[in-house]
Protein backbone atom coordinates (compact mmCIF):
# COMPACT_ATOMS: atom_id res chain seq x y z
CA MET A 1 -13.96 15.75 19.79
CA ALA A 2 -10.31 16.78 19.84
CA ASP A 3 -7.70 14.20 18.93
CA SER A 4 -5.95 12.49 21.83
CA GLY A 5 -2.40 11.24 21.49
CA ARG A 6 -0.33 11.70 18.37
CA VAL A 7 -1.65 12.04 14.84
CA ILE A 8 -0.29 11.60 11.33
CA ASP A 9 -0.88 14.41 8.85
CA LEU A 10 0.38 13.81 5.32
CA SER A 11 -0.50 15.10 1.87
CA VAL A 12 0.24 14.27 -1.75
CA GLU A 13 -0.34 16.11 -5.03
CA VAL A 14 -2.02 13.86 -7.60
CA ILE A 15 -3.13 14.12 -11.21
CA GLY A 16 -6.87 14.03 -11.85
CA ASP A 17 -10.13 15.88 -11.47
CA ILE A 18 -11.86 15.72 -8.10
CA GLU A 19 -14.40 13.07 -9.13
CA THR A 20 -11.65 10.73 -10.34
CA VAL A 21 -9.58 11.30 -7.22
CA TRP A 22 -12.63 10.82 -5.00
CA ARG A 23 -13.30 7.39 -6.51
CA ALA A 24 -9.67 6.44 -5.86
CA VAL A 25 -9.73 7.57 -2.22
CA ALA A 26 -13.24 6.69 -1.07
CA THR A 27 -14.51 3.59 -2.92
CA GLY A 28 -13.58 -0.06 -2.51
CA PRO A 29 -12.18 -0.58 -6.03
CA GLY A 30 -10.29 2.71 -5.81
CA ILE A 31 -8.65 2.08 -2.44
CA SER A 32 -7.84 -1.51 -3.44
CA SER A 33 -5.80 -0.20 -6.37
CA TRP A 34 -3.14 1.52 -4.25
CA TYR A 35 -3.52 0.34 -0.62
CA VAL A 36 -4.96 -3.05 0.43
CA PRO A 37 -8.18 -4.71 -0.81
CA HIS A 38 -11.23 -2.90 0.54
CA THR A 39 -14.97 -3.15 0.43
CA VAL A 40 -16.82 0.06 1.23
CA GLU A 41 -20.54 0.67 1.65
CA GLU A 42 -20.73 4.16 0.17
CA ARG A 43 -22.73 6.06 2.77
CA THR A 44 -22.30 7.52 6.24
CA GLY A 45 -22.49 4.65 8.68
CA GLY A 46 -21.73 2.08 6.00
CA ALA A 47 -19.52 -0.93 6.59
CA ALA A 48 -15.91 -1.02 5.44
CA ILE A 49 -13.54 -4.00 5.48
CA ALA A 50 -9.79 -3.86 4.87
CA SER A 51 -8.04 -7.11 3.92
CA PHE A 52 -4.38 -7.26 4.93
CA GLY A 53 -3.95 -10.91 3.98
CA PRO A 54 -5.82 -14.15 3.28
CA GLU A 55 -6.22 -15.18 6.91
CA PRO A 56 -9.55 -14.47 8.70
CA GLU A 57 -7.79 -12.43 11.38
CA MET A 58 -6.39 -10.15 8.66
CA GLN A 59 -9.88 -8.96 7.65
CA ILE A 60 -10.29 -5.71 9.58
CA PRO A 61 -13.86 -4.39 9.91
CA GLY A 62 -14.58 -0.70 10.10
CA ARG A 63 -17.14 1.98 9.41
CA VAL A 64 -17.62 4.92 7.09
CA ALA A 65 -17.81 7.56 9.82
CA ALA A 66 -18.26 10.44 7.35
CA TRP A 67 -19.23 10.43 3.67
CA GLU A 68 -19.14 13.84 2.01
CA PRO A 69 -18.49 13.33 -1.72
CA PRO A 70 -16.39 14.45 -3.42
CA HIS A 71 -14.36 16.21 -0.72
CA ARG A 72 -14.17 14.21 2.53
CA VAL A 73 -14.43 10.64 3.78
CA GLN A 74 -13.55 9.25 7.20
CA PHE A 75 -13.14 5.64 8.32
CA ASP A 76 -13.01 4.34 11.88
CA GLY A 77 -13.62 1.15 13.83
CA GLY A 78 -17.30 1.77 14.44
CA GLU A 79 -19.60 3.39 16.96
CA GLY A 80 -18.00 3.27 20.41
CA VAL A 81 -14.95 1.39 19.17
CA GLU A 82 -11.67 2.90 20.29
CA GLY A 83 -8.77 2.91 17.88
CA LEU A 84 -7.51 4.62 14.77
CA SER A 85 -9.48 6.87 12.44
CA PHE A 86 -8.53 7.85 8.91
CA GLU A 87 -9.84 11.06 7.38
CA TRP A 88 -9.18 11.84 3.71
CA THR A 89 -9.86 15.25 2.20
CA ILE A 90 -9.47 16.33 -1.42
CA ASP A 91 -8.77 19.89 -2.59
CA PRO A 92 -8.98 20.41 -6.37
CA HIS A 93 -6.82 22.83 -8.36
CA ASP A 94 -7.41 24.59 -11.67
CA ASP A 95 -4.58 22.71 -13.42
CA GLY A 96 -6.22 19.28 -13.26
CA THR A 97 -4.54 18.19 -10.06
CA CYS A 98 -5.71 17.71 -6.49
CA THR A 99 -4.15 17.72 -3.06
CA VAL A 100 -5.10 14.64 -1.05
CA ARG A 101 -4.66 14.97 2.71
CA LEU A 102 -4.64 12.22 5.31
CA HIS A 103 -5.41 12.82 8.99
CA ASN A 104 -4.75 9.58 10.89
CA ALA A 105 -5.68 9.92 14.57
CA GLY A 106 -6.11 7.72 17.61
CA PHE A 107 -2.53 6.80 18.48
CA GLY A 108 -1.46 6.63 22.11
CA ASP A 109 1.45 8.79 23.22
CA ASP A 110 3.79 5.77 23.26
CA ASP A 111 2.24 3.71 20.47
CA PRO A 112 5.05 1.53 18.98
CA GLN A 113 3.31 1.49 15.58
CA TYR A 114 3.35 5.26 15.12
CA GLU A 115 6.65 5.72 13.27
CA ALA A 116 6.08 2.60 11.18
CA MET A 117 2.65 3.89 10.16
CA ILE A 118 4.18 7.14 8.93
CA ASP A 119 6.58 5.26 6.65
CA GLY A 120 3.82 2.96 5.47
CA TRP A 121 1.48 5.80 4.58
CA LYS A 122 4.21 7.56 2.64
CA LEU A 123 4.58 4.46 0.47
CA PHE A 124 0.85 4.06 -0.08
CA MET A 125 0.28 7.72 -0.84
CA SER A 126 3.09 7.56 -3.37
CA ASN A 127 1.29 4.59 -4.92
CA LEU A 128 -1.95 6.59 -4.99
CA GLY A 129 -0.14 9.16 -7.10
CA LEU A 130 1.20 6.45 -9.42
CA HIS A 131 -2.25 4.88 -9.76
CA LEU A 132 -3.81 8.20 -10.79
CA LYS A 133 -0.93 9.14 -13.10
CA HIS A 134 -0.64 5.87 -15.00
CA PHE A 135 -3.87 3.90 -14.44
CA ALA A 136 -6.67 6.37 -13.62
CA GLY A 137 -10.10 4.83 -14.01
CA GLN A 138 -8.74 1.27 -13.88
CA THR A 139 -8.89 -1.15 -10.96
CA ALA A 140 -5.84 -3.06 -9.80
CA THR A 141 -5.67 -6.59 -8.50
CA SER A 142 -3.04 -6.72 -5.78
CA ALA A 143 -0.61 -9.37 -4.62
CA LEU A 144 0.75 -8.38 -1.21
CA PRO A 145 3.13 -11.09 0.02
CA MET A 146 5.01 -10.10 3.14
CA VAL A 147 6.76 -11.57 6.17
CA MET A 148 7.48 -10.25 9.66
CA TRP A 149 10.91 -11.06 11.04
CA GLN A 150 12.68 -10.17 14.30
CA ILE A 151 15.71 -8.67 12.60
CA THR A 152 16.69 -5.12 11.69
CA PRO A 153 15.27 -3.47 8.54
CA ASP A 154 18.77 -3.39 7.05
CA GLU A 155 19.14 -7.13 7.64
CA GLY A 156 15.73 -7.72 6.08
CA TRP A 157 16.71 -5.70 3.04
CA ALA A 158 19.90 -7.70 2.64
CA VAL A 159 17.91 -10.96 2.69
CA LEU A 160 15.41 -9.62 0.14
CA VAL A 161 17.77 -8.14 -2.42
CA GLY A 162 20.35 -10.87 -1.93
CA GLY A 163 17.76 -13.53 -2.62
CA LEU A 164 16.69 -11.71 -5.78
CA GLY A 165 20.25 -11.25 -7.00
CA ILE A 166 20.25 -7.45 -6.75
CA ASP A 167 23.90 -6.57 -6.10
CA GLU A 168 23.47 -2.80 -5.84
CA MET A 169 20.66 -0.28 -5.70
CA PRO A 170 19.45 0.39 -9.26
CA ALA A 171 19.13 3.93 -10.57
CA VAL A 172 15.87 5.56 -11.57
CA GLY A 173 15.29 4.67 -15.21
CA ASP A 174 17.06 1.31 -14.99
CA ARG A 175 15.28 -1.87 -15.97
CA LEU A 176 14.78 -4.39 -13.17
CA ASP A 177 13.97 -8.03 -13.86
CA VAL A 178 13.82 -10.37 -10.86
CA GLY A 179 11.76 -13.32 -9.75
CA VAL A 180 11.49 -16.63 -8.00
CA ASP A 181 11.58 -18.76 -11.18
CA ASP A 182 11.31 -18.40 -14.96
CA VAL A 183 7.54 -17.79 -14.76
CA THR A 184 7.08 -15.74 -11.58
CA ARG A 185 8.79 -12.51 -12.55
CA LEU A 186 8.69 -8.85 -11.61
CA ALA A 187 10.08 -6.66 -14.39
CA GLY A 188 9.85 -3.06 -15.46
CA THR A 189 11.35 0.40 -15.08
CA VAL A 190 12.65 1.65 -11.74
CA ILE A 191 10.86 4.94 -10.99
CA GLU A 192 11.90 5.59 -7.39
CA THR A 193 14.37 4.32 -4.81
CA ASP A 194 14.88 4.86 -1.10
CA ALA A 195 17.20 3.40 1.51
CA ARG A 196 15.28 0.10 1.62
CA ARG A 197 12.74 0.44 -1.17
CA ILE A 198 12.62 0.02 -4.93
CA THR A 199 9.52 1.18 -6.81
CA VAL A 200 8.92 -0.28 -10.28
CA LEU A 201 6.48 0.57 -13.05
CA THR A 202 5.96 -2.99 -14.26
CA ASP A 203 5.36 -4.54 -17.64
CA GLN A 204 5.74 -8.10 -16.34
CA PRO A 205 3.84 -10.06 -15.18
CA ALA A 206 1.32 -7.35 -16.16
CA PRO A 207 1.19 -3.55 -16.30
CA GLY A 208 1.19 -2.03 -12.83
CA THR A 209 3.30 -0.88 -9.91
CA ALA A 210 5.49 -2.90 -7.55
CA PHE A 211 7.43 -2.28 -4.36
CA LEU A 212 10.35 -4.16 -2.86
CA THR A 213 10.63 -3.00 0.74
CA SER A 214 12.02 -3.73 4.17
CA GLU A 215 10.32 -1.59 6.82
CA ASP A 216 10.37 -1.10 10.56
CA ALA A 217 7.07 -2.47 11.86
CA GLY A 218 7.34 -1.48 15.52
CA GLY A 219 9.64 -4.16 16.93
CA PHE A 220 9.61 -6.34 13.83
CA THR A 221 10.77 -5.87 10.25
CA MET A 222 8.22 -6.27 7.46
CA VAL A 223 9.76 -7.51 4.22
CA SER A 224 7.40 -7.18 1.24
CA VAL A 225 7.09 -7.74 -2.49
CA TRP A 226 3.89 -5.87 -3.30
CA LEU A 227 2.34 -5.78 -6.76
CA TYR A 228 -0.66 -3.84 -8.07
CA LEU A 229 -1.52 -5.22 -11.50
CA TYR A 230 -3.95 -4.05 -14.19
CA GLY A 231 -5.49 -5.43 -17.33
CA PRO A 232 -7.51 -8.51 -18.28
CA ASP A 233 -4.86 -10.98 -17.09
CA ALA A 234 -4.18 -9.35 -13.70
CA ALA A 235 -6.49 -11.52 -11.58
CA ALA A 236 -5.17 -14.76 -13.05
CA VAL A 237 -1.56 -13.63 -12.65
CA VAL A 238 -2.13 -12.71 -9.00
CA GLU A 239 -3.80 -16.06 -8.31
CA ARG A 240 -0.76 -17.80 -9.80
CA ASP A 241 2.05 -15.64 -8.44
CA ASN A 242 0.89 -14.52 -4.98
CA PRO A 243 1.38 -17.93 -3.28
CA ARG A 244 4.74 -18.38 -5.03
CA TRP A 245 6.05 -15.06 -3.73
CA ARG A 246 4.69 -15.85 -0.24
CA ALA A 247 6.42 -19.22 -0.21
CA TRP A 248 9.66 -17.70 -1.51
CA LEU A 249 9.70 -15.12 1.29
CA ALA A 250 8.81 -17.70 3.95
CA ASP A 251 11.67 -19.93 2.81
CA ARG A 252 14.14 -17.11 3.52
CA ALA A 253 13.21 -16.58 7.14
CA PRO A 254 16.37 -16.02 9.20
CA ALA A 255 17.11 -18.65 11.83
CA SER A 256 16.40 -16.10 14.58
CA GLY A 257 13.18 -14.83 12.88
């Protein structure tokens, strides 16, 4: 069936052989290491659940609509369920890299989430590349504290960086060390910046990747401090720090938010 409405087509070049990249793109532990926590039943027709937060309503059920290892996987909402579908394809190259392509379909012609989804996928696909470059074969435990405010993305960014004491945008290669108290820290090397995003390769509170962002979320602004942590202490650190970051963000809600 041909796609109706608008679609998102994006790609990223990543380091890794096709089997390694397939595990990152198609399995629950792999997807959880660069996107949001997932469980995936690894077969056509299998169940898939994406967790966007701790609340029951943030557990989004889906289906493995196509399972063609190690080249193609597609997720949707299930048989007869209208909504978005997500197709991932992997093309290997002789130099030990692969091209990962996303085809995200099912948007209406005037869907307010469309532009925000493009920006969001760019961030996550960048994190896929970081996961495969620095932590291939490992599984991350994520802390994904975020808030939704009715302010502009620029205003959200000012609240976020102001609260963390970041006076100016750091340069790539700079060390960043911020946090909510002496224990709950985010520290490491800045590896990428954008207008309202700082990407960090962390060494505290554990090895991993982190993103400070303020993004347009289709009428709202989503302000996030997202961490993907690795190693034996990652789960304990996330259990400790995730509620502290959530509370810190909630305490900074603008009066009009």
